Amino acid sequence: MPKQVCFISISLLFALASSALAQQGTIHGKVRAPSGATLNGVIVELWQSGSSLEQTVTNTEGDFYFTGLRPASYEVVINHRGYQPASERAVFRMPGNMNQREVVEVEVRLRPADREVAPASPGTSFIQDVPAAAREAFEKGVGRIREGKSSEGIALLQEAVRIFPDYFNAHFALGTEFSKKNQPDEAIKSLEEARRVNDREPRVYHLFGIIMAQQKKFTVAEYAFRQAIERDPLNAQSHFSRGLALVELAVSADDEHRRGQLNEAERELRKALELSNQKLAAAWLHLGRAYELRGDRKAAASALETYLKLQPDDKNAPAIREAIVKLKTEKR
């Protein structure tokens, strides 16, 4: 059997995961500090079957929303500076052929990090004095988006940046919403404005990297995730995403570059596992891809087995088990 056949069978798992979106359910969540106070500006990612589907940011009341989801099991993942990584499962119970709308409520209470996080370097703190009219338009816009009225929300956010062109949160919120609506050009324009206002914010580079990865521009995506890591070295998601981008680059690289890319991908994926306290199970799935590309079929099978131990209910479990059998039994 050709060397790449098994790798292709593993890669199909990610194509299957990309079909997760439909027009049925909503996940509404709230993020709280240990004291119970709500936290705003927290990046929240939605995962399924080892793949990141989308991300959003909590509003001023600590709320976040994912809409237009088909009934299935999802994982809400949060990495926020100064707190331990956290994840919660969100499961829709209603059959997918029903027209009723189901809302799954999730609350995440973060816990302080086990180790002390060094304070930001002088000059990196970022506070804006936003005019009242711009802030009002921003908050209304976020509210409209939360209600599922995306077009109205975008118009209000655009009004906020018209009043205050340097409004970072409004530019970033626009980038996030355009990304969710699959309007990458508009999303990138908004993110570039956000970067112009605050070049030190890792969320801008992370979201830009996700957009580039969705467009299969993995060279640019890898650079963006690297920039996000430089600004926030303790974010497990950025390390994970850079590792995934490096694996994708290695697929088409020559032998000389492939080895270096796979070695770096392994380091990043293992760093993601370390920073997430081994909770970021999807890293094992992509480690399996990296090892198989490297030619280490035994390590690839072991990584996939570890993933299944952590995620036994993955909807693609039968395909993963089949890939494990091929890795163990078929010759190159």
C-alpha atoms as a PDB file:
ATOM      1  CA  MET A   1       0.000   0.000   0.000  1.00  0.00           C
ATOM      2  CA  PRO A   2       1.369   3.489  -0.818  1.00  0.00           C
ATOM      3  CA  LYS A   3       2.865   5.340   2.134  1.00  0.00           C
ATOM      4  CA  GLN A   4       0.245   8.104   2.210  1.00  0.00           C
ATOM      5  CA  VAL A   5      -2.902   5.981   2.093  1.00  0.00           C
ATOM      6  CA  CYS A   6      -3.247   5.677   5.861  1.00  0.00           C
ATOM      7  CA  PHE A   7      -2.501   9.356   6.353  1.00  0.00           C
ATOM      8  CA  ILE A   8      -5.289  10.223   3.932  1.00  0.00           C
ATOM      9  CA  SER A   9      -7.678   8.015   5.905  1.00  0.00           C
ATOM     10  CA  ILE A  10      -6.767   9.899   9.076  1.00  0.00           C
ATOM     11  CA  SER A  11      -7.133  13.269   7.358  1.00  0.00           C
ATOM     12  CA  LEU A  12     -10.661  12.375   6.300  1.00  0.00           C
ATOM     13  CA  LEU A  13     -11.628  12.574   9.952  1.00  0.00           C
ATOM     14  CA  PHE A  14     -11.127  16.325   9.860  1.00  0.00           C
ATOM     15  CA  ALA A  15     -13.198  16.712   6.724  1.00  0.00           C
ATOM     16  CA  LEU A  16     -15.990  14.900   8.537  1.00  0.00           C
ATOM     17  CA  ALA A  17     -15.661  17.250  11.500  1.00  0.00           C
ATOM     18  CA  SER A  18     -16.091  20.301   9.275  1.00  0.00           C
ATOM     19  CA  SER A  19     -19.702  19.328   8.517  1.00  0.00           C
ATOM     20  CA  ALA A  20     -20.797  20.242  12.051  1.00  0.00           C
ATOM     21  CA  LEU A  21     -22.733  23.389  11.212  1.00  0.00           C
ATOM     22  CA  ALA A  22     -26.451  23.511  10.518  1.00  0.00           C
ATOM     23  CA  GLN A  23     -29.285  25.782  11.563  1.00  0.00           C
ATOM     24  CA  GLN A  24     -30.721  24.289  14.738  1.00  0.00           C
ATOM     25  CA  GLY A  25     -29.198  25.040  18.125  1.00  0.00           C
ATOM     26  CA  THR A  26     -27.527  27.719  20.194  1.00  0.00           C
ATOM     27  CA  ILE A  27     -24.980  27.435  22.990  1.00  0.00           C
ATOM     28  CA  HIS A  28     -25.286  30.248  25.530  1.00  0.00           C
ATOM     29  CA  GLY A  29     -22.580  30.394  28.140  1.00  0.00           C
ATOM     30  CA  LYS A  30     -21.236  32.578  30.911  1.00  0.00           C
ATOM     31  CA  VAL A  31     -17.660  32.793  32.190  1.00  0.00           C
ATOM     32  CA  ARG A  32     -16.976  33.650  35.821  1.00  0.00           C
ATOM     33  CA  ALA A  33     -13.920  34.288  37.967  1.00  0.00           C
ATOM     34  CA  PRO A  34     -13.426  32.225  41.159  1.00  0.00           C
ATOM     35  CA  SER A  35     -15.237  34.970  43.096  1.00  0.00           C
ATOM     36  CA  GLY A  36     -18.301  34.568  40.893  1.00  0.00           C
ATOM     37  CA  ALA A  37     -17.743  37.860  39.093  1.00  0.00           C
ATOM     38  CA  THR A  38     -18.271  37.694  35.326  1.00  0.00           C
ATOM     39  CA  LEU A  39     -15.266  38.017  32.999  1.00  0.00           C
ATOM     40  CA  ASN A  40     -15.387  39.954  29.741  1.00  0.00           C
ATOM     41  CA  GLY A  41     -12.982  39.760  26.806  1.00  0.00           C
ATOM     42  CA  VAL A  42     -12.349  36.016  27.302  1.00  0.00           C
ATOM     43  CA  ILE A  43     -11.716  33.983  24.136  1.00  0.00           C
ATOM     44  CA  VAL A  44     -14.043  30.965  23.950  1.00  0.00           C
ATOM     45  CA  GLU A  45     -13.551  28.247  21.329  1.00  0.00           C
ATOM     46  CA  LEU A  46     -16.043  25.655  20.123  1.00  0.00           C
ATOM     47  CA  TRP A  47     -14.645  22.196  19.357  1.00  0.00           C
ATOM     48  CA  GLN A  48     -15.992  18.964  17.955  1.00  0.00           C
ATOM     49  CA  SER A  49     -14.251  15.699  17.058  1.00  0.00           C
ATOM     50  CA  GLY A  50     -10.797  17.154  17.553  1.00  0.00           C
ATOM     51  CA  SER A  51     -11.332  20.219  15.380  1.00  0.00           C
ATOM     52  CA  SER A  52     -11.892  23.859  16.304  1.00  0.00           C
ATOM     53  CA  LEU A  53     -15.094  25.088  14.639  1.00  0.00           C
ATOM     54  CA  GLU A  54     -15.159  28.745  15.655  1.00  0.00           C
ATOM     55  CA  GLN A  55     -14.388  31.182  18.436  1.00  0.00           C
ATOM     56  CA  THR A  56     -16.024  34.123  20.104  1.00  0.00           C
ATOM     57  CA  VAL A  57     -15.344  36.536  22.974  1.00  0.00           C
ATOM     58  CA  THR A  58     -17.366  37.126  26.139  1.00  0.00           C
ATOM     59  CA  ASN A  59     -19.238  40.415  26.338  1.00  0.00           C
ATOM     60  CA  THR A  60     -19.299  42.912  29.192  1.00  0.00           C
ATOM     61  CA  GLU A  61     -21.560  40.585  31.208  1.00  0.00           C
ATOM     62  CA  GLY A  62     -19.395  37.510  30.669  1.00  0.00           C
ATOM     63  CA  ASP A  63     -21.793  35.952  28.155  1.00  0.00           C
ATOM     64  CA  PHE A  64     -20.892  34.142  24.942  1.00  0.00           C
ATOM     65  CA  TYR A  65     -22.990  32.556  22.182  1.00  0.00           C
ATOM     66  CA  PHE A  66     -22.517  30.008  19.402  1.00  0.00           C
ATOM     67  CA  THR A  67     -25.470  29.850  17.022  1.00  0.00           C
ATOM     68  CA  GLY A  68     -26.592  27.838  13.978  1.00  0.00           C
ATOM     69  CA  LEU A  69     -25.402  24.497  15.386  1.00  0.00           C
ATOM     70  CA  ARG A  70     -26.751  21.089  14.463  1.00  0.00           C
ATOM     71  CA  PRO A  71     -27.789  18.799  17.357  1.00  0.00           C
ATOM     72  CA  ALA A  72     -24.629  17.035  18.534  1.00  0.00           C
ATOM     73  CA  SER A  73     -22.052  17.019  21.314  1.00  0.00           C
ATOM     74  CA  TYR A  74     -19.595  19.946  21.454  1.00  0.00           C
ATOM     75  CA  GLU A  75     -16.807  21.084  23.737  1.00  0.00           C
ATOM     76  CA  VAL A  76     -16.408  24.668  24.915  1.00  0.00           C
ATOM     77  CA  VAL A  77     -12.724  25.423  25.571  1.00  0.00           C
ATOM     78  CA  ILE A  78     -11.274  28.434  27.396  1.00  0.00           C
ATOM     79  CA  ASN A  79      -7.663  29.501  27.905  1.00  0.00           C
ATOM     80  CA  HIS A  80      -7.366  32.811  29.733  1.00  0.00           C
ATOM     81  CA  ARG A  81      -4.211  34.347  31.152  1.00  0.00           C
ATOM     82  CA  GLY A  82      -3.918  33.863  34.902  1.00  0.00           C
ATOM     83  CA  TYR A  83      -6.400  30.975  35.026  1.00  0.00           C
ATOM     84  CA  GLN A  84      -6.284  27.235  34.485  1.00  0.00           C
ATOM     85  CA  PRO A  85      -7.510  25.974  31.098  1.00  0.00           C
ATOM     86  CA  ALA A  86     -11.157  24.970  31.296  1.00  0.00           C
ATOM     87  CA  SER A  87     -13.582  23.012  29.157  1.00  0.00           C
ATOM     88  CA  GLU A  88     -17.241  22.067  29.364  1.00  0.00           C
ATOM     89  CA  ARG A  89     -19.325  19.739  27.219  1.00  0.00           C
ATOM     90  CA  ALA A  90     -22.481  21.046  25.589  1.00  0.00           C
ATOM     91  CA  VAL A  91     -24.856  18.374  24.326  1.00  0.00           C
ATOM     92  CA  PHE A  92     -27.984  18.962  22.256  1.00  0.00           C
ATOM     93  CA  ARG A  93     -30.748  16.447  22.954  1.00  0.00           C
ATOM     94  CA  MET A  94     -33.286  17.416  20.320  1.00  0.00           C
ATOM     95  CA  PRO A  95     -33.317  15.341  17.068  1.00  0.00           C
ATOM     96  CA  GLY A  96     -31.831  17.125  14.082  1.00  0.00           C
ATOM     97  CA  ASN A  97     -34.954  16.762  11.970  1.00  0.00           C
ATOM     98  CA  MET A  98     -37.020  18.972  14.279  1.00  0.00           C
ATOM     99  CA  ASN A  99     -37.674  22.600  13.485  1.00  0.00           C
ATOM    100  CA  GLN A 100     -37.680  23.729  17.116  1.00  0.00           C
ATOM    101  CA  ARG A 101     -34.719  25.741  18.361  1.00  0.00           C
ATOM    102  CA  GLU A 102     -32.775  24.312  21.298  1.00  0.00           C
ATOM    103  CA  VAL A 103     -30.580  26.426  23.582  1.00  0.00           C
ATOM    104  CA  VAL A 104     -27.949  24.700  25.719  1.00  0.00           C
ATOM    105  CA  GLU A 105     -26.801  26.679  28.752  1.00  0.00           C
ATOM    106  CA  VAL A 106     -23.176  26.400  29.901  1.00  0.00           C
ATOM    107  CA  GLU A 107     -21.477  28.150  32.814  1.00  0.00           C
ATOM    108  CA  VAL A 108     -17.703  28.046  33.247  1.00  0.00           C
ATOM    109  CA  ARG A 109     -16.076  29.149  36.494  1.00  0.00           C
ATOM    110  CA  LEU A 110     -12.339  29.584  36.015  1.00  0.00           C
ATOM    111  CA  ARG A 111      -9.787  28.673  38.654  1.00  0.00           C
ATOM    112  CA  PRO A 112      -6.486  30.491  39.303  1.00  0.00           C
ATOM    113  CA  ALA A 113      -3.426  29.149  37.503  1.00  0.00           C
ATOM    114  CA  ASP A 114      -1.296  26.703  39.479  1.00  0.00           C
ATOM    115  CA  ARG A 115       1.764  28.834  38.893  1.00  0.00           C
ATOM    116  CA  GLU A 116       2.226  32.542  39.080  1.00  0.00           C
ATOM    117  CA  VAL A 117       2.032  34.352  35.757  1.00  0.00           C
ATOM    118  CA  ALA A 118       4.575  37.085  35.257  1.00  0.00           C
ATOM    119  CA  PRO A 119       3.043  40.545  34.888  1.00  0.00           C
ATOM    120  CA  ALA A 120       2.985  42.136  31.457  1.00  0.00           C
ATOM    121  CA  SER A 121       5.988  44.163  30.405  1.00  0.00           C
ATOM    122  CA  PRO A 122       5.809  47.926  30.979  1.00  0.00           C
ATOM    123  CA  GLY A 123       3.802  49.665  28.292  1.00  0.00           C
ATOM    124  CA  THR A 124       1.792  46.614  27.223  1.00  0.00           C
ATOM    125  CA  SER A 125      -1.367  47.356  29.218  1.00  0.00           C
ATOM    126  CA  PHE A 126      -4.129  48.691  27.032  1.00  0.00           C
ATOM    127  CA  ILE A 127      -7.022  50.819  28.264  1.00  0.00           C
ATOM    128  CA  GLN A 128      -9.256  53.009  26.111  1.00  0.00           C
ATOM    129  CA  ASP A 129     -11.384  55.974  27.036  1.00  0.00           C
ATOM    130  CA  VAL A 130     -14.334  55.258  24.759  1.00  0.00           C
ATOM    131  CA  PRO A 131     -16.934  57.974  24.078  1.00  0.00           C
ATOM    132  CA  ALA A 132     -20.315  57.153  25.590  1.00  0.00           C
ATOM    133  CA  ALA A 133     -22.098  57.106  22.214  1.00  0.00           C
ATOM    134  CA  ALA A 134     -19.599  54.631  20.775  1.00  0.00           C
ATOM    135  CA  ARG A 135     -19.808  52.398  23.840  1.00  0.00           C
ATOM    136  CA  GLU A 136     -23.608  52.430  23.677  1.00  0.00           C
ATOM    137  CA  ALA A 137     -23.572  51.429  19.995  1.00  0.00           C
ATOM    138  CA  PHE A 138     -21.042  48.687  20.751  1.00  0.00           C
ATOM    139  CA  GLU A 139     -23.081  47.207  23.589  1.00  0.00           C
ATOM    140  CA  LYS A 140     -26.274  47.318  21.533  1.00  0.00           C
ATOM    141  CA  GLY A 141     -24.466  45.682  18.626  1.00  0.00           C
ATOM    142  CA  VAL A 142     -23.179  42.857  20.804  1.00  0.00           C
ATOM    143  CA  GLY A 143     -26.695  42.444  22.166  1.00  0.00           C
ATOM    144  CA  ARG A 144     -28.208  42.173  18.677  1.00  0.00           C
ATOM    145  CA  ILE A 145     -25.648  39.540  17.702  1.00  0.00           C
ATOM    146  CA  ARG A 146     -26.448  37.658  20.878  1.00  0.00           C
ATOM    147  CA  GLU A 147     -30.129  37.652  19.853  1.00  0.00           C
ATOM    148  CA  GLY A 148     -29.226  36.189  16.468  1.00  0.00           C
ATOM    149  CA  LYS A 149     -29.701  39.519  14.635  1.00  0.00           C
ATOM    150  CA  SER A 150     -26.276  39.543  13.028  1.00  0.00           C
ATOM    151  CA  SER A 151     -26.893  42.215  10.371  1.00  0.00           C
ATOM    152  CA  GLU A 152     -28.290  44.669  12.925  1.00  0.00           C
ATOM    153  CA  GLY A 153     -25.396  43.904  15.254  1.00  0.00           C
ATOM    154  CA  ILE A 154     -22.801  44.512  12.563  1.00  0.00           C
ATOM    155  CA  ALA A 155     -24.424  47.828  11.624  1.00  0.00           C
ATOM    156  CA  LEU A 156     -24.267  48.979  15.244  1.00  0.00           C
ATOM    157  CA  LEU A 157     -20.646  47.907  15.616  1.00  0.00           C
ATOM    158  CA  GLN A 158     -19.808  49.805  12.441  1.00  0.00           C
ATOM    159  CA  GLU A 159     -21.549  52.828  13.930  1.00  0.00           C
ATOM    160  CA  ALA A 160     -19.372  52.459  17.024  1.00  0.00           C
ATOM    161  CA  VAL A 161     -16.151  52.581  14.980  1.00  0.00           C
ATOM    162  CA  ARG A 162     -17.517  55.486  12.927  1.00  0.00           C
ATOM    163  CA  ILE A 163     -17.921  57.453  16.161  1.00  0.00           C
ATOM    164  CA  PHE A 164     -14.579  56.247  17.573  1.00  0.00           C
ATOM    165  CA  PRO A 165     -12.293  54.900  14.792  1.00  0.00           C
ATOM    166  CA  ASP A 166      -9.771  53.530  17.300  1.00  0.00           C
ATOM    167  CA  TYR A 167     -12.320  51.383  19.161  1.00  0.00           C
ATOM    168  CA  PHE A 168     -10.390  48.125  19.548  1.00  0.00           C
ATOM    169  CA  ASN A 169     -13.199  45.981  20.993  1.00  0.00           C
ATOM    170  CA  ALA A 170     -15.595  47.033  18.232  1.00  0.00           C
ATOM    171  CA  HIS A 171     -13.084  46.260  15.473  1.00  0.00           C
ATOM    172  CA  PHE A 172     -12.320  42.885  17.043  1.00  0.00           C
ATOM    173  CA  ALA A 173     -16.016  42.082  17.508  1.00  0.00           C
ATOM    174  CA  LEU A 174     -16.612  42.894  13.831  1.00  0.00           C
ATOM    175  CA  GLY A 175     -13.739  40.614  12.835  1.00  0.00           C
ATOM    176  CA  THR A 176     -15.171  37.815  14.959  1.00  0.00           C
ATOM    177  CA  GLU A 177     -18.691  38.180  13.562  1.00  0.00           C
ATOM    178  CA  PHE A 178     -17.550  38.441   9.923  1.00  0.00           C
ATOM    179  CA  SER A 179     -15.457  35.314  10.485  1.00  0.00           C
ATOM    180  CA  LYS A 180     -18.499  33.425  11.809  1.00  0.00           C
ATOM    181  CA  LYS A 181     -20.495  34.570   8.764  1.00  0.00           C
ATOM    182  CA  ASN A 182     -17.770  33.226   6.448  1.00  0.00           C
ATOM    183  CA  GLN A 183     -16.826  36.687   5.174  1.00  0.00           C
ATOM    184  CA  PRO A 184     -13.033  36.413   5.492  1.00  0.00           C
ATOM    185  CA  ASP A 185     -12.164  39.577   3.561  1.00  0.00           C
ATOM    186  CA  GLU A 186     -14.318  41.736   5.814  1.00  0.00           C
ATOM    187  CA  ALA A 187     -13.056  39.902   8.883  1.00  0.00           C
ATOM    188  CA  ILE A 188      -9.437  40.528   7.910  1.00  0.00           C
ATOM    189  CA  LYS A 189     -10.101  44.239   7.332  1.00  0.00           C
ATOM    190  CA  SER A 190     -11.585  44.557  10.807  1.00  0.00           C
ATOM    191  CA  LEU A 191      -8.745  42.593  12.390  1.00  0.00           C
ATOM    192  CA  GLU A 192      -6.194  44.790  10.649  1.00  0.00           C
ATOM    193  CA  GLU A 193      -7.876  47.835  12.168  1.00  0.00           C
ATOM    194  CA  ALA A 194      -7.795  46.146  15.577  1.00  0.00           C
ATOM    195  CA  ARG A 195      -4.093  45.356  15.093  1.00  0.00           C
ATOM    196  CA  ARG A 196      -3.420  48.964  14.113  1.00  0.00           C
ATOM    197  CA  VAL A 197      -4.951  50.111  17.386  1.00  0.00           C
ATOM    198  CA  ASN A 198      -3.261  47.483  19.575  1.00  0.00           C
ATOM    199  CA  ASP A 199      -0.479  45.413  18.068  1.00  0.00           C
ATOM    200  CA  ARG A 200       0.159  43.562  21.343  1.00  0.00           C
ATOM    201  CA  GLU A 201      -3.188  41.782  21.578  1.00  0.00           C
ATOM    202  CA  PRO A 202      -2.745  38.014  20.918  1.00  0.00           C
ATOM    203  CA  ARG A 203      -6.455  37.469  20.158  1.00  0.00           C
ATOM    204  CA  VAL A 204      -6.103  39.402  16.899  1.00  0.00           C
ATOM    205  CA  TYR A 205      -3.309  37.177  15.613  1.00  0.00           C
ATOM    206  CA  HIS A 206      -4.991  33.997  16.809  1.00  0.00           C
ATOM    207  CA  LEU A 207      -8.255  34.747  15.007  1.00  0.00           C
ATOM    208  CA  PHE A 208      -6.373  35.850  11.884  1.00  0.00           C
ATOM    209  CA  GLY A 209      -4.512  32.527  11.983  1.00  0.00           C
ATOM    210  CA  ILE A 210      -7.788  30.612  12.183  1.00  0.00           C
ATOM    211  CA  ILE A 211      -9.125  32.441   9.131  1.00  0.00           C
ATOM    212  CA  MET A 212      -5.950  31.721   7.182  1.00  0.00           C
ATOM    213  CA  ALA A 213      -6.062  28.045   8.179  1.00  0.00           C
ATOM    214  CA  GLN A 214      -9.678  27.803   7.033  1.00  0.00           C
ATOM    215  CA  GLN A 215      -8.505  29.116   3.659  1.00  0.00           C
ATOM    216  CA  LYS A 216      -5.670  26.539   3.704  1.00  0.00           C
ATOM    217  CA  LYS A 217      -3.064  29.329   3.756  1.00  0.00           C
ATOM    218  CA  PHE A 218      -1.017  27.462   6.308  1.00  0.00           C
ATOM    219  CA  THR A 219       2.229  29.413   5.871  1.00  0.00           C
ATOM    220  CA  VAL A 220       0.477  32.636   6.872  1.00  0.00           C
ATOM    221  CA  ALA A 221      -1.537  30.831   9.564  1.00  0.00           C
ATOM    222  CA  GLU A 222       1.634  29.431  11.133  1.00  0.00           C
ATOM    223  CA  TYR A 223       3.148  32.916  11.252  1.00  0.00           C
ATOM    224  CA  ALA A 224       0.007  34.361  12.846  1.00  0.00           C
ATOM    225  CA  PHE A 225      -0.134  31.698  15.552  1.00  0.00           C
ATOM    226  CA  ARG A 226       3.573  32.239  16.216  1.00  0.00           C
ATOM    227  CA  GLN A 227       2.885  35.935  16.743  1.00  0.00           C
ATOM    228  CA  ALA A 228       0.015  35.075  19.105  1.00  0.00           C
ATOM    229  CA  ILE A 229       2.335  32.818  21.112  1.00  0.00           C
ATOM    230  CA  GLU A 230       4.973  35.558  21.381  1.00  0.00           C
ATOM    231  CA  ARG A 231       2.333  37.802  22.940  1.00  0.00           C
ATOM    232  CA  ASP A 232       0.794  35.110  25.155  1.00  0.00           C
ATOM    233  CA  PRO A 233       3.137  32.115  25.629  1.00  0.00           C
ATOM    234  CA  LEU A 234       0.725  30.384  28.019  1.00  0.00           C
ATOM    235  CA  ASN A 235      -2.210  30.031  25.613  1.00  0.00           C
ATOM    236  CA  ALA A 236      -2.581  26.332  24.869  1.00  0.00           C
ATOM    237  CA  GLN A 237      -4.877  26.951  21.896  1.00  0.00           C
ATOM    238  CA  SER A 238      -2.300  29.019  20.033  1.00  0.00           C
ATOM    239  CA  HIS A 239       0.365  26.355  20.540  1.00  0.00           C
ATOM    240  CA  PHE A 240      -2.092  23.710  19.373  1.00  0.00           C
ATOM    241  CA  SER A 241      -3.114  25.715  16.301  1.00  0.00           C
ATOM    242  CA  ARG A 242       0.496  26.401  15.310  1.00  0.00           C
ATOM    243  CA  GLY A 243       1.263  22.698  15.652  1.00  0.00           C
ATOM    244  CA  LEU A 244      -1.648  21.836  13.381  1.00  0.00           C
ATOM    245  CA  ALA A 245      -0.539  24.418  10.801  1.00  0.00           C
ATOM    246  CA  LEU A 246       2.977  22.932  10.813  1.00  0.00           C
ATOM    247  CA  VAL A 247       1.585  19.438  10.243  1.00  0.00           C
ATOM    248  CA  GLU A 248      -0.397  20.714   7.261  1.00  0.00           C
ATOM    249  CA  LEU A 249       2.712  22.417   5.851  1.00  0.00           C
ATOM    250  CA  ALA A 250       4.674  19.193   6.235  1.00  0.00           C
ATOM    251  CA  VAL A 251       2.192  17.310   4.044  1.00  0.00           C
ATOM    252  CA  SER A 252       3.500  19.000   0.895  1.00  0.00           C
ATOM    253  CA  ALA A 253       7.039  19.857   2.034  1.00  0.00           C
ATOM    254  CA  ASP A 254      10.195  18.241   0.686  1.00  0.00           C
ATOM    255  CA  ASP A 255      12.065  15.801   2.923  1.00  0.00           C
ATOM    256  CA  GLU A 256      14.541  18.414   4.140  1.00  0.00           C
ATOM    257  CA  HIS A 257      11.878  20.839   5.412  1.00  0.00           C
ATOM    258  CA  ARG A 258       9.368  18.181   6.454  1.00  0.00           C
ATOM    259  CA  ARG A 259      11.519  16.802   9.261  1.00  0.00           C
ATOM    260  CA  GLY A 260      11.995  20.213  10.852  1.00  0.00           C
ATOM    261  CA  GLN A 261       8.325  21.107  10.526  1.00  0.00           C
ATOM    262  CA  LEU A 262       7.193  17.827  12.082  1.00  0.00           C
ATOM    263  CA  ASN A 263       9.647  18.146  14.964  1.00  0.00           C
ATOM    264  CA  GLU A 264       8.411  21.676  15.668  1.00  0.00           C
ATOM    265  CA  ALA A 265       4.789  20.533  15.338  1.00  0.00           C
ATOM    266  CA  GLU A 266       5.384  17.820  17.925  1.00  0.00           C
ATOM    267  CA  ARG A 267       6.898  20.344  20.332  1.00  0.00           C
ATOM    268  CA  GLU A 268       3.936  22.689  19.916  1.00  0.00           C
ATOM    269  CA  LEU A 269       1.306  19.972  20.321  1.00  0.00           C
ATOM    270  CA  ARG A 270       3.001  18.626  23.435  1.00  0.00           C
ATOM    271  CA  LYS A 271       3.248  22.166  24.794  1.00  0.00           C
ATOM    272  CA  ALA A 272      -0.496  22.523  24.242  1.00  0.00           C
ATOM    273  CA  LEU A 273      -1.048  19.329  26.238  1.00  0.00           C
ATOM    274  CA  GLU A 274       1.197  20.589  29.035  1.00  0.00           C
ATOM    275  CA  LEU A 275      -0.475  23.994  29.264  1.00  0.00           C
ATOM    276  CA  SER A 276      -3.966  22.473  29.186  1.00  0.00           C
ATOM    277  CA  ASN A 277      -3.112  19.947  31.927  1.00  0.00           C
ATOM    278  CA  GLN A 278      -3.508  17.162  29.324  1.00  0.00           C
ATOM    279  CA  LYS A 279      -7.118  18.217  28.665  1.00  0.00           C
ATOM    280  CA  LEU A 280      -6.631  19.227  25.024  1.00  0.00           C
ATOM    281  CA  ALA A 281      -7.257  15.732  23.714  1.00  0.00           C
ATOM    282  CA  ALA A 282      -7.274  16.797  20.057  1.00  0.00           C
ATOM    283  CA  ALA A 283      -3.505  17.283  20.279  1.00  0.00           C
ATOM    284  CA  TRP A 284      -3.117  13.494  20.353  1.00  0.00           C
ATOM    285  CA  LEU A 285      -5.139  13.198  17.150  1.00  0.00           C
ATOM    286  CA  HIS A 286      -2.790  15.544  15.316  1.00  0.00           C
ATOM    287  CA  LEU A 287       0.297  14.012  16.898  1.00  0.00           C
ATOM    288  CA  GLY A 288      -0.871  10.821  15.223  1.00  0.00           C
ATOM    289  CA  ARG A 289      -0.824  12.594  11.875  1.00  0.00           C
ATOM    290  CA  ALA A 290       2.643  14.004  12.546  1.00  0.00           C
ATOM    291  CA  TYR A 291       4.086  10.623  13.510  1.00  0.00           C
ATOM    292  CA  GLU A 292       2.541   8.913  10.494  1.00  0.00           C
ATOM    293  CA  LEU A 293       4.022  11.544   8.188  1.00  0.00           C
ATOM    294  CA  ARG A 294       7.382  10.995   9.863  1.00  0.00           C
ATOM    295  CA  GLY A 295       7.057   7.278   9.137  1.00  0.00           C
ATOM    296  CA  ASP A 296       6.683   6.197  12.764  1.00  0.00           C
ATOM    297  CA  ARG A 297       3.522   4.139  12.440  1.00  0.00           C
ATOM    298  CA  LYS A 298       3.814   2.628  15.928  1.00  0.00           C
ATOM    299  CA  ALA A 299       3.895   6.071  17.561  1.00  0.00           C
ATOM    300  CA  ALA A 300       1.029   7.218  15.313  1.00  0.00           C
ATOM    301  CA  ALA A 301      -1.158   4.298  16.399  1.00  0.00           C
ATOM    302  CA  SER A 302      -0.301   4.919  20.058  1.00  0.00           C
ATOM    303  CA  ALA A 303      -1.237   8.602  19.786  1.00  0.00           C
ATOM    304  CA  LEU A 304      -4.602   7.754  18.232  1.00  0.00           C
ATOM    305  CA  GLU A 305      -5.257   5.160  20.926  1.00  0.00           C
ATOM    306  CA  THR A 306      -4.538   7.786  23.581  1.00  0.00           C
ATOM    307  CA  TYR A 307      -7.001  10.115  21.908  1.00  0.00           C
ATOM    308  CA  LEU A 308      -9.738   7.469  21.941  1.00  0.00           C
ATOM    309  CA  LYS A 309      -9.129   6.801  25.646  1.00  0.00           C
ATOM    310  CA  LEU A 310      -9.745  10.490  26.306  1.00  0.00           C
ATOM    311  CA  GLN A 311     -12.602  10.852  23.805  1.00  0.00           C
ATOM    312  CA  PRO A 312     -14.307   7.429  23.610  1.00  0.00           C
ATOM    313  CA  ASP A 313     -17.586   8.954  22.386  1.00  0.00           C
ATOM    314  CA  ASP A 314     -16.075  10.724  19.377  1.00  0.00           C
ATOM    315  CA  LYS A 315     -18.485  10.264  16.472  1.00  0.00           C
ATOM    316  CA  ASN A 316     -15.523   9.313  14.238  1.00  0.00           C
ATOM    317  CA  ALA A 317     -14.264   6.647  16.658  1.00  0.00           C
ATOM    318  CA  PRO A 318     -14.900   3.760  14.189  1.00  0.00           C
ATOM    319  CA  ALA A 319     -12.829   5.488  11.507  1.00  0.00           C
ATOM    320  CA  ILE A 320     -10.050   6.191  14.006  1.00  0.00           C
ATOM    321  CA  ARG A 321     -10.005   2.550  15.102  1.00  0.00           C
ATOM    322  CA  GLU A 322      -9.781   1.489  11.457  1.00  0.00           C
ATOM    323  CA  ALA A 323      -6.831   3.843  10.963  1.00  0.00           C
ATOM    324  CA  ILE A 324      -5.137   2.340  14.041  1.00  0.00           C
ATOM    325  CA  VAL A 325      -5.516  -1.178  12.625  1.00  0.00           C
ATOM    326  CA  LYS A 326      -4.001  -0.085   9.304  1.00  0.00           C
ATOM    327  CA  LEU A 327      -1.095   1.599  11.061  1.00  0.00           C
ATOM    328  CA  LYS A 328      -0.367  -1.565  13.024  1.00  0.00           C
ATOM    329  CA  THR A 329      -0.853  -4.187  10.312  1.00  0.00           C
ATOM    330  CA  GLU A 330      -0.292  -2.756   6.813  1.00  0.00           C
ATOM    331  CA  LYS A 331       3.163  -2.410   5.364  1.00  0.00           C
ATOM    332  CA  ARG A 332       4.424   0.839   3.912  1.00  0.00           C
END
